[in-house]
Amino acid sequence: MQASEREYAYFEKMLELVYENEGLKRQNEELKTENRTLNAKLEKAYDFMRQFTINGMNMLEQFLRSIGEWVQQNVAGLSR
């Protein structure tokens, strides 16, 4: 392969990588936007759950406690 052919191949590969990089940047921005939207919805759900109480504990605290208990039980089950 001559030097000019090799340079052309490198140039083509560089262009391919530049286009791929631009696509990944776009995808990353889309995911950041989606993440912000989902975090906002989650915060609204948490605010809603804080309004109601069960056994003297608001729904959010009850939910987080039950999730913690579930995780502990399942992690304990994995270590057996």
C-alpha atoms as a PDB file:
ATOM      1  CA  MET A   1       0.000   0.000   0.000  1.00  0.00           C
ATOM      2  CA  GLN A   2       1.426   3.327  -0.994  1.00  0.00           C
ATOM      3  CA  ALA A   3       1.652   6.295   1.358  1.00  0.00           C
ATOM      4  CA  SER A   4      -1.169   8.163  -0.378  1.00  0.00           C
ATOM      5  CA  GLU A   5      -3.471   5.115  -0.191  1.00  0.00           C
ATOM      6  CA  ARG A   6      -2.641   4.715   3.488  1.00  0.00           C
ATOM      7  CA  GLU A   7      -3.306   8.423   4.114  1.00  0.00           C
ATOM      8  CA  TYR A   8      -6.637   8.151   2.297  1.00  0.00           C
ATOM      9  CA  ALA A   9      -7.584   5.094   4.394  1.00  0.00           C
ATOM     10  CA  TYR A  10      -6.694   6.984   7.588  1.00  0.00           C
ATOM     11  CA  PHE A  11      -8.692   9.988   6.422  1.00  0.00           C
ATOM     12  CA  GLU A  12     -11.726   7.799   5.683  1.00  0.00           C
ATOM     13  CA  LYS A  13     -11.441   6.146   9.102  1.00  0.00           C
ATOM     14  CA  MET A  14     -11.124   9.563  10.760  1.00  0.00           C
ATOM     15  CA  LEU A  15     -14.277  10.792   9.002  1.00  0.00           C
ATOM     16  CA  GLU A  16     -16.125   7.658  10.066  1.00  0.00           C
ATOM     17  CA  LEU A  17     -15.079   8.229  13.680  1.00  0.00           C
ATOM     18  CA  VAL A  18     -16.046  11.914  13.555  1.00  0.00           C
ATOM     19  CA  TYR A  19     -19.554  11.006  12.335  1.00  0.00           C
ATOM     20  CA  GLU A  20     -19.856   8.270  14.949  1.00  0.00           C
ATOM     21  CA  ASN A  21     -18.717  10.701  17.649  1.00  0.00           C
ATOM     22  CA  GLU A  22     -21.316  13.278  16.568  1.00  0.00           C
ATOM     23  CA  GLY A  23     -24.021  10.631  16.688  1.00  0.00           C
ATOM     24  CA  LEU A  24     -22.939   9.585  20.176  1.00  0.00           C
ATOM     25  CA  LYS A  25     -22.935  13.202  21.347  1.00  0.00           C
ATOM     26  CA  ARG A  26     -26.506  13.609  20.064  1.00  0.00           C
ATOM     27  CA  GLN A  27     -27.586  10.386  21.721  1.00  0.00           C
ATOM     28  CA  ASN A  28     -25.938  11.461  24.975  1.00  0.00           C
ATOM     29  CA  GLU A  29     -27.823  14.773  24.949  1.00  0.00           C
ATOM     30  CA  GLU A  30     -31.103  12.952  24.293  1.00  0.00           C
ATOM     31  CA  LEU A  31     -30.430  10.639  27.240  1.00  0.00           C
ATOM     32  CA  LYS A  32     -29.557  13.579  29.485  1.00  0.00           C
ATOM     33  CA  THR A  33     -32.855  15.238  28.559  1.00  0.00           C
ATOM     34  CA  GLU A  34     -34.768  12.016  29.199  1.00  0.00           C
ATOM     35  CA  ASN A  35     -32.973  11.607  32.529  1.00  0.00           C
ATOM     36  CA  ARG A  36     -33.930  15.136  33.616  1.00  0.00           C
ATOM     37  CA  THR A  37     -37.558  14.452  32.652  1.00  0.00           C
ATOM     38  CA  LEU A  38     -37.633  11.160  34.553  1.00  0.00           C
ATOM     39  CA  ASN A  39     -36.015  12.727  37.615  1.00  0.00           C
ATOM     40  CA  ALA A  40     -38.638  15.483  37.600  1.00  0.00           C
ATOM     41  CA  LYS A  41     -41.443  12.881  37.392  1.00  0.00           C
ATOM     42  CA  LEU A  42     -39.867  10.874  40.214  1.00  0.00           C
ATOM     43  CA  GLU A  43     -39.627  13.976  42.379  1.00  0.00           C
ATOM     44  CA  LYS A  44     -43.326  14.709  41.718  1.00  0.00           C
ATOM     45  CA  ALA A  45     -44.199  11.137  42.699  1.00  0.00           C
ATOM     46  CA  TYR A  46     -42.143  11.501  45.888  1.00  0.00           C
ATOM     47  CA  ASP A  47     -43.899  14.806  46.685  1.00  0.00           C
ATOM     48  CA  PHE A  48     -47.280  13.111  46.157  1.00  0.00           C
ATOM     49  CA  MET A  49     -46.325  10.167  48.366  1.00  0.00           C
ATOM     50  CA  ARG A  50     -45.163  12.501  51.163  1.00  0.00           C
ATOM     51  CA  GLN A  51     -48.740  13.822  51.449  1.00  0.00           C
ATOM     52  CA  PHE A  52     -50.224  10.580  52.763  1.00  0.00           C
ATOM     53  CA  THR A  53     -49.471   8.708  55.961  1.00  0.00           C
ATOM     54  CA  ILE A  54     -49.693   5.020  56.835  1.00  0.00           C
ATOM     55  CA  ASN A  55     -49.183   3.998  60.480  1.00  0.00           C
ATOM     56  CA  GLY A  56     -47.763   7.445  61.283  1.00  0.00           C
ATOM     57  CA  MET A  57     -45.254   7.300  58.437  1.00  0.00           C
ATOM     58  CA  ASN A  58     -45.716   9.033  55.096  1.00  0.00           C
ATOM     59  CA  MET A  59     -46.071   6.824  52.016  1.00  0.00           C
ATOM     60  CA  LEU A  60     -42.602   7.732  50.761  1.00  0.00           C
ATOM     61  CA  GLU A  61     -40.933   6.693  54.016  1.00  0.00           C
ATOM     62  CA  GLN A  62     -43.004   3.490  54.042  1.00  0.00           C
ATOM     63  CA  PHE A  63     -42.095   2.778  50.417  1.00  0.00           C
ATOM     64  CA  LEU A  64     -38.381   3.400  50.966  1.00  0.00           C
ATOM     65  CA  ARG A  65     -38.417   1.218  54.095  1.00  0.00           C
ATOM     66  CA  SER A  66     -40.121  -1.639  52.246  1.00  0.00           C
ATOM     67  CA  ILE A  67     -37.643  -1.352  49.365  1.00  0.00           C
ATOM     68  CA  GLY A  68     -34.769  -1.440  51.858  1.00  0.00           C
ATOM     69  CA  GLU A  69     -36.226  -4.543  53.513  1.00  0.00           C
ATOM     70  CA  TRP A  70     -36.728  -6.215  50.122  1.00  0.00           C
ATOM     71  CA  VAL A  71     -33.122  -5.492  49.133  1.00  0.00           C
ATOM     72  CA  GLN A  72     -31.807  -6.839  52.436  1.00  0.00           C
ATOM     73  CA  GLN A  73     -33.819 -10.043  52.090  1.00  0.00           C
ATOM     74  CA  ASN A  74     -32.724 -10.624  48.510  1.00  0.00           C
ATOM     75  CA  VAL A  75     -29.077  -9.776  49.145  1.00  0.00           C
ATOM     76  CA  ALA A  76     -29.092 -12.094  52.152  1.00  0.00           C
ATOM     77  CA  GLY A  77     -30.585 -14.806  49.919  1.00  0.00           C
ATOM     78  CA  LEU A  78     -27.759 -14.372  47.413  1.00  0.00           C
ATOM     79  CA  SER A  79     -25.032 -14.822  50.018  1.00  0.00           C
ATOM     80  CA  ARG A  80     -26.293 -18.257  51.060  1.00  0.00           C
END
